[in-house]
């Protein structure tokens, strides 16, 4: 069974808009119904989203743990999977993970995305891209 494109697109749109917990809710529904290899891919994206959710709440341990788990699950899926640019997702999420690990808990505030109404989602550095 392939991943349903419409809910995946909705989840990625929420992710790219900084709505990491809402993204989690949508993708979790897909994940619960998915078979392999889709299930592990969705779990990896979910874990990155939840890691970013922890980051926005300045929870260093949660961010590092979930980003690390997500990155490890997504590695076998590059360069693309389900029309998602997995290599791009891995590049920035791995760089963020390393930054957090090297900086320790004190680095959380500098790494956390901010939500600026004037700049909107375009200001978020953490985005999932599709391959067309």
Protein backbone atom coordinates (compact mmCIF):
# COMPACT_ATOMS: atom_id res chain seq x y z
CA UNK A 1 0.00 0.00 0.00
CA UNK A 2 1.42 3.39 -1.00
CA UNK A 3 1.26 6.46 1.22
CA UNK A 4 -1.90 8.45 0.49
CA UNK A 5 -0.65 11.66 -1.16
CA UNK A 6 -3.32 14.05 0.15
CA UNK A 7 -2.82 13.45 3.90
CA UNK A 8 0.96 13.32 3.39
CA UNK A 9 0.80 16.68 1.60
CA UNK A 10 -1.33 18.15 4.41
CA UNK A 11 1.13 16.91 7.02
CA UNK A 12 4.11 18.31 5.12
CA UNK A 13 2.33 21.64 4.64
CA UNK A 14 1.81 21.81 8.40
CA UNK A 15 5.42 20.83 9.01
CA UNK A 16 6.63 23.57 6.66
CA UNK A 17 4.36 26.06 8.40
CA UNK A 18 5.91 25.29 11.78
CA UNK A 19 2.83 23.40 12.99
CA UNK A 20 4.87 20.43 14.13
CA UNK A 21 2.34 18.92 16.50
CA UNK A 22 -0.50 19.17 13.97
CA UNK A 23 1.81 17.53 11.42
CA UNK A 24 2.42 14.75 13.93
CA UNK A 25 -1.31 14.12 14.31
CA UNK A 26 -1.88 13.74 10.56
CA UNK A 27 1.21 11.66 9.86
CA UNK A 28 0.58 9.44 12.87
CA UNK A 29 -2.76 8.40 11.37
CA UNK A 30 -0.96 7.44 8.14
CA UNK A 31 1.82 5.68 10.05
CA UNK A 32 -0.61 3.53 12.04
CA UNK A 33 -2.16 2.18 8.83
CA UNK A 34 1.02 1.87 6.76
CA UNK A 35 2.98 -1.24 5.97
CA UNK A 36 6.71 -1.38 5.38
CA UNK A 37 8.67 0.38 3.97
CA UNK A 38 6.25 3.33 4.24
CA UNK A 39 5.77 2.82 7.97
CA UNK A 40 9.42 3.40 8.90
CA UNK A 41 9.67 6.38 6.52
CA UNK A 42 6.63 8.02 8.11
CA UNK A 43 7.98 7.27 11.58
CA UNK A 44 11.23 9.03 10.67
CA UNK A 45 9.40 12.14 9.44
CA UNK A 46 7.19 12.06 12.55
CA UNK A 47 10.19 11.88 14.82
CA UNK A 48 11.86 14.84 13.12
CA UNK A 49 8.60 16.81 13.48
CA UNK A 50 8.32 15.94 17.17
CA UNK A 51 12.00 16.80 17.63
CA UNK A 52 11.26 20.25 16.20
CA UNK A 53 8.22 20.53 18.45
CA UNK A 54 10.50 19.87 21.44
CA UNK A 55 12.96 22.41 20.04
CA UNK A 56 10.28 25.11 19.90
CA UNK A 57 9.50 24.35 23.56
CA UNK A 58 13.22 24.53 24.48
CA UNK A 59 13.32 20.86 25.47
CA UNK A 60 16.91 20.01 24.49
CA UNK A 61 16.80 16.33 25.50
CA UNK A 62 13.55 15.69 23.63
CA UNK A 63 14.80 17.54 20.54
CA UNK A 64 18.12 15.65 20.42
CA UNK A 65 16.53 12.26 21.07
CA UNK A 66 13.73 12.57 18.52
CA UNK A 67 15.87 14.24 15.83
CA UNK A 68 18.46 11.48 16.24
CA UNK A 69 15.85 8.72 15.99
CA UNK A 70 14.23 10.37 12.97
CA UNK A 71 17.53 10.86 11.13
CA UNK A 72 18.50 7.22 11.73
CA UNK A 73 15.15 5.96 10.40
CA UNK A 74 15.26 8.19 7.30
CA UNK A 75 18.84 7.39 6.18
CA UNK A 76 17.91 4.34 4.05
CA UNK A 77 15.26 6.33 2.14
CA UNK A 78 17.47 8.81 0.28
CA UNK A 79 17.79 10.42 -2.07
CA UNK A 80 13.99 10.54 -2.48
CA UNK A 81 10.99 8.64 -1.20
CA UNK A 82 7.28 9.29 -1.76
CA UNK A 83 8.34 12.33 -3.82
CA UNK A 84 10.05 13.81 -0.74
CA UNK A 85 13.63 15.11 -1.05
CA UNK A 86 14.94 12.92 1.75
CA UNK A 87 18.56 13.97 1.23
CA UNK A 88 17.60 17.62 1.83
CA UNK A 89 15.62 16.64 4.94
CA UNK A 90 18.56 14.60 6.22
CA UNK A 91 21.08 17.37 5.47
CA UNK A 92 19.42 20.05 7.58
CA UNK A 93 18.10 17.75 10.32
CA UNK A 94 21.52 16.13 10.76
CA UNK A 95 23.21 19.56 10.84
CA UNK A 96 20.69 20.74 13.44
CA UNK A 97 21.24 17.59 15.51
CA UNK A 98 25.02 18.05 15.47
CA UNK A 99 24.62 21.73 16.39
CA UNK A 100 22.43 20.82 19.36
CA UNK A 101 24.71 17.99 20.48
CA UNK A 102 27.83 20.15 20.30
CA UNK A 103 26.18 23.18 21.91
CA UNK A 104 24.50 21.27 24.70
CA UNK A 105 21.31 22.39 26.42
CA UNK A 106 22.48 26.03 26.35
CA UNK A 107 22.23 26.03 22.54
CA UNK A 108 18.49 25.35 22.46
CA UNK A 109 17.34 28.98 22.39
CA UNK A 110 19.62 29.89 19.47
CA UNK A 111 18.47 26.85 17.45
CA UNK A 112 14.73 27.07 18.07
CA UNK A 113 12.61 28.39 15.22
CA UNK A 114 10.63 31.52 15.92
CA UNK A 115 7.19 32.28 14.60
CA UNK A 116 7.13 35.78 13.19
CA UNK A 117 3.70 36.64 11.83
CA UNK A 118 5.18 39.17 9.39
CA UNK A 119 7.60 36.67 7.84
CA UNK A 120 5.40 33.57 8.10
CA UNK A 121 6.48 30.05 7.26
CA UNK A 122 9.07 31.27 4.76
CA UNK A 123 11.19 32.37 7.74
CA UNK A 124 11.41 28.80 9.07
CA UNK A 125 14.70 27.14 8.15
CA UNK A 126 13.28 23.65 8.69
CA UNK A 127 11.36 22.58 5.61
CA UNK A 128 10.52 19.42 3.70
CA UNK A 129 10.83 19.68 -0.08
CA UNK A 130 9.16 17.63 -2.77
CA UNK A 131 10.93 16.36 -5.86
CA UNK A 132 8.85 17.03 -8.95
